[in-house]
Amino acid sequence: MANYDTIYQELHTLLESHVKGRQTIAPDSRLVDDLGLDSMQTMEMVMDMEDRLDMSIPLNVLPEVQTVDDLVQALTRVAA
């Protein structure tokens, strides 16, 4: 079972490959507005997180996600 810190580290590493140094990644970074992710990149990232954490992420959690912290909290709830 993955905890908040583990999920945050995995997500941060994954985001670094998508953002490529354009922005600083912090818990309050907004995925679209601050980090510049589009819908395709977001879906790729979710699929990569499923693989990394060996879990299935329901798509209904994504509409409520705005920031890195929102996504980590949603993934932590799914992992519980």
N, C-alpha and C. Protein backbone atom coordinates (compact mmCIF):
# COMPACT_ATOMS: atom_id res chain seq x y z
N MET A 1 0.84 -1.18 0.00
CA MET A 1 0.00 0.00 0.00
C MET A 1 0.89 1.24 0.00
N ALA A 2 0.67 2.12 -0.95
CA ALA A 2 1.48 3.32 -1.08
C ALA A 2 0.94 4.43 -0.18
N ASN A 3 1.84 5.16 0.45
CA ASN A 3 1.42 6.28 1.28
C ASN A 3 1.65 7.60 0.54
N TYR A 4 1.26 8.70 1.17
CA TYR A 4 1.35 10.02 0.55
C TYR A 4 2.76 10.32 0.05
N ASP A 5 3.76 10.11 0.89
CA ASP A 5 5.14 10.45 0.53
C ASP A 5 5.63 9.64 -0.67
N THR A 6 5.32 8.35 -0.67
CA THR A 6 5.73 7.50 -1.79
C THR A 6 5.07 7.95 -3.08
N ILE A 7 3.78 8.21 -3.01
CA ILE A 7 3.04 8.65 -4.20
C ILE A 7 3.56 10.00 -4.68
N TYR A 8 3.82 10.91 -3.74
CA TYR A 8 4.34 12.24 -4.13
C TYR A 8 5.68 12.10 -4.84
N GLN A 9 6.57 11.29 -4.31
CA GLN A 9 7.90 11.11 -4.94
C GLN A 9 7.77 10.52 -6.34
N GLU A 10 6.93 9.51 -6.50
CA GLU A 10 6.72 8.89 -7.81
C GLU A 10 6.13 9.90 -8.79
N LEU A 11 5.13 10.65 -8.33
CA LEU A 11 4.49 11.64 -9.19
C LEU A 11 5.46 12.76 -9.55
N HIS A 12 6.25 13.20 -8.59
CA HIS A 12 7.23 14.27 -8.85
C HIS A 12 8.22 13.83 -9.92
N THR A 13 8.72 12.62 -9.80
CA THR A 13 9.66 12.08 -10.80
C THR A 13 9.00 12.01 -12.17
N LEU A 14 7.79 11.55 -12.20
CA LEU A 14 7.06 11.44 -13.45
C LEU A 14 6.78 12.82 -14.05
N LEU A 15 6.40 13.77 -13.23
CA LEU A 15 6.13 15.12 -13.72
C LEU A 15 7.39 15.77 -14.28
N GLU A 16 8.54 15.49 -13.67
CA GLU A 16 9.79 16.06 -14.19
C GLU A 16 10.01 15.67 -15.64
N SER A 17 9.63 14.45 -16.02
CA SER A 17 9.81 14.03 -17.41
C SER A 17 8.83 14.73 -18.35
N HIS A 18 7.68 15.13 -17.84
CA HIS A 18 6.69 15.83 -18.67
C HIS A 18 6.96 17.34 -18.71
N VAL A 19 7.41 17.90 -17.61
CA VAL A 19 7.62 19.34 -17.52
C VAL A 19 8.99 19.74 -18.08
N LYS A 20 9.97 18.87 -17.95
CA LYS A 20 11.31 19.07 -18.48
C LYS A 20 11.94 20.41 -18.06
N GLY A 21 11.87 20.68 -16.76
CA GLY A 21 12.55 21.84 -16.20
C GLY A 21 11.93 23.18 -16.50
N ARG A 22 10.78 23.20 -17.13
CA ARG A 22 10.14 24.48 -17.44
C ARG A 22 9.62 25.17 -16.20
N GLN A 23 9.18 24.40 -15.22
CA GLN A 23 8.58 24.96 -14.01
C GLN A 23 9.06 24.19 -12.79
N THR A 24 9.00 24.84 -11.66
CA THR A 24 9.28 24.16 -10.40
C THR A 24 8.04 23.37 -10.01
N ILE A 25 8.23 22.13 -9.61
CA ILE A 25 7.12 21.27 -9.23
C ILE A 25 7.00 21.30 -7.72
N ALA A 26 5.85 21.75 -7.24
CA ALA A 26 5.57 21.82 -5.80
C ALA A 26 4.17 21.28 -5.56
N PRO A 27 3.84 20.94 -4.31
CA PRO A 27 2.51 20.42 -4.04
C PRO A 27 1.38 21.34 -4.49
N ASP A 28 1.60 22.66 -4.43
CA ASP A 28 0.54 23.57 -4.83
C ASP A 28 0.59 23.97 -6.31
N SER A 29 1.48 23.36 -7.07
CA SER A 29 1.55 23.63 -8.52
C SER A 29 0.29 23.10 -9.19
N ARG A 30 -0.33 23.95 -10.00
CA ARG A 30 -1.51 23.52 -10.76
C ARG A 30 -1.04 22.79 -12.00
N LEU A 31 -1.61 21.62 -12.23
CA LEU A 31 -1.15 20.75 -13.32
C LEU A 31 -1.25 21.43 -14.68
N VAL A 32 -2.33 22.10 -14.94
CA VAL A 32 -2.54 22.73 -16.26
C VAL A 32 -1.95 24.14 -16.29
N ASP A 33 -2.38 24.97 -15.36
CA ASP A 33 -1.99 26.39 -15.40
C ASP A 33 -0.51 26.63 -15.10
N ASP A 34 0.05 25.93 -14.12
CA ASP A 34 1.45 26.16 -13.75
C ASP A 34 2.42 25.26 -14.50
N LEU A 35 2.05 23.97 -14.63
CA LEU A 35 2.98 23.02 -15.23
C LEU A 35 2.75 22.82 -16.73
N GLY A 36 1.64 23.34 -17.23
CA GLY A 36 1.40 23.31 -18.66
C GLY A 36 1.01 21.97 -19.23
N LEU A 37 0.50 21.06 -18.41
CA LEU A 37 0.09 19.76 -18.92
C LEU A 37 -1.21 19.89 -19.71
N ASP A 38 -1.30 19.18 -20.81
CA ASP A 38 -2.56 19.13 -21.54
C ASP A 38 -3.28 17.83 -21.18
N SER A 39 -4.45 17.62 -21.73
CA SER A 39 -5.24 16.45 -21.36
C SER A 39 -4.55 15.14 -21.72
N MET A 40 -3.84 15.11 -22.85
CA MET A 40 -3.14 13.89 -23.26
C MET A 40 -2.00 13.58 -22.30
N GLN A 41 -1.24 14.59 -21.92
CA GLN A 41 -0.15 14.38 -20.97
C GLN A 41 -0.68 13.93 -19.61
N THR A 42 -1.81 14.48 -19.21
CA THR A 42 -2.41 14.09 -17.94
C THR A 42 -2.81 12.63 -17.97
N MET A 43 -3.43 12.18 -19.05
CA MET A 43 -3.84 10.78 -19.17
C MET A 43 -2.62 9.86 -19.20
N GLU A 44 -1.58 10.25 -19.92
CA GLU A 44 -0.34 9.45 -19.95
C GLU A 44 0.26 9.33 -18.56
N MET A 45 0.23 10.44 -17.83
CA MET A 45 0.77 10.45 -16.49
C MET A 45 -0.03 9.52 -15.58
N VAL A 46 -1.36 9.55 -15.70
CA VAL A 46 -2.20 8.67 -14.89
C VAL A 46 -1.89 7.20 -15.21
N MET A 47 -1.75 6.87 -16.48
CA MET A 47 -1.43 5.49 -16.86
C MET A 47 -0.06 5.08 -16.32
N ASP A 48 0.91 5.99 -16.38
CA ASP A 48 2.24 5.70 -15.84
C ASP A 48 2.18 5.49 -14.33
N MET A 49 1.37 6.30 -13.64
CA MET A 49 1.24 6.15 -12.19
C MET A 49 0.58 4.81 -11.86
N GLU A 50 -0.39 4.39 -12.66
CA GLU A 50 -1.00 3.07 -12.45
C GLU A 50 0.06 1.98 -12.53
N ASP A 51 0.93 2.06 -13.52
CA ASP A 51 2.00 1.07 -13.67
C ASP A 51 2.99 1.13 -12.51
N ARG A 52 3.41 2.33 -12.15
CA ARG A 52 4.41 2.48 -11.09
C ARG A 52 3.90 2.01 -9.74
N LEU A 53 2.61 2.27 -9.47
CA LEU A 53 2.05 1.95 -8.17
C LEU A 53 1.26 0.64 -8.17
N ASP A 54 1.19 0.00 -9.33
CA ASP A 54 0.45 -1.25 -9.48
C ASP A 54 -0.97 -1.13 -8.93
N MET A 55 -1.69 -0.15 -9.47
CA MET A 55 -3.06 0.11 -9.04
C MET A 55 -3.87 0.63 -10.21
N SER A 56 -5.17 0.59 -10.06
CA SER A 56 -6.07 1.13 -11.08
C SER A 56 -6.64 2.44 -10.55
N ILE A 57 -6.53 3.48 -11.36
CA ILE A 57 -7.00 4.79 -10.95
C ILE A 57 -8.30 5.10 -11.69
N PRO A 58 -9.40 5.22 -10.97
CA PRO A 58 -10.67 5.52 -11.63
C PRO A 58 -10.65 6.94 -12.21
N LEU A 59 -11.15 7.08 -13.41
CA LEU A 59 -11.12 8.39 -14.07
C LEU A 59 -12.02 9.41 -13.40
N ASN A 60 -12.96 8.96 -12.59
CA ASN A 60 -13.85 9.92 -11.93
C ASN A 60 -13.15 10.74 -10.85
N VAL A 61 -11.92 10.41 -10.49
CA VAL A 61 -11.19 11.22 -9.52
C VAL A 61 -10.52 12.42 -10.19
N LEU A 62 -10.36 12.39 -11.49
CA LEU A 62 -9.61 13.43 -12.18
C LEU A 62 -10.30 14.80 -12.24
N PRO A 63 -11.61 14.88 -12.41
CA PRO A 63 -12.22 16.21 -12.49
C PRO A 63 -11.98 17.09 -11.27
N GLU A 64 -11.81 16.49 -10.09
CA GLU A 64 -11.59 17.27 -8.88
C GLU A 64 -10.13 17.67 -8.69
N VAL A 65 -9.25 17.18 -9.52
CA VAL A 65 -7.82 17.40 -9.37
C VAL A 65 -7.39 18.68 -10.10
N GLN A 66 -6.79 19.58 -9.35
CA GLN A 66 -6.25 20.82 -9.91
C GLN A 66 -4.74 20.94 -9.70
N THR A 67 -4.29 20.51 -8.51
CA THR A 67 -2.89 20.68 -8.15
C THR A 67 -2.20 19.33 -7.98
N VAL A 68 -0.90 19.37 -7.85
CA VAL A 68 -0.12 18.16 -7.59
C VAL A 68 -0.62 17.52 -6.30
N ASP A 69 -0.83 18.32 -5.26
CA ASP A 69 -1.31 17.80 -3.99
C ASP A 69 -2.68 17.15 -4.14
N ASP A 70 -3.58 17.76 -4.91
CA ASP A 70 -4.90 17.16 -5.15
C ASP A 70 -4.75 15.76 -5.73
N LEU A 71 -3.86 15.62 -6.71
CA LEU A 71 -3.67 14.33 -7.35
C LEU A 71 -3.07 13.32 -6.39
N VAL A 72 -2.09 13.74 -5.61
CA VAL A 72 -1.48 12.83 -4.64
C VAL A 72 -2.51 12.38 -3.61
N GLN A 73 -3.32 13.29 -3.13
CA GLN A 73 -4.36 12.91 -2.15
C GLN A 73 -5.37 11.95 -2.77
N ALA A 74 -5.77 12.19 -4.02
CA ALA A 74 -6.72 11.30 -4.69
C ALA A 74 -6.10 9.90 -4.86
N LEU A 75 -4.83 9.85 -5.24
CA LEU A 75 -4.16 8.56 -5.42
C LEU A 75 -3.98 7.85 -4.07
N THR A 76 -3.73 8.61 -3.02
CA THR A 76 -3.59 8.03 -1.69
C THR A 76 -4.91 7.39 -1.26
N ARG A 77 -6.03 8.06 -1.55
CA ARG A 77 -7.35 7.48 -1.21
C ARG A 77 -7.60 6.21 -2.00
N VAL A 78 -7.23 6.21 -3.28
CA VAL A 78 -7.43 5.02 -4.13
C VAL A 78 -6.56 3.87 -3.63
N ALA A 79 -5.35 4.18 -3.17
CA ALA A 79 -4.42 3.15 -2.72
C ALA A 79 -4.81 2.55 -1.37
N ALA A 80 -5.64 3.26 -0.63
CA ALA A 80 -6.01 2.79 0.72
C ALA A 80 -6.91 1.58 0.71
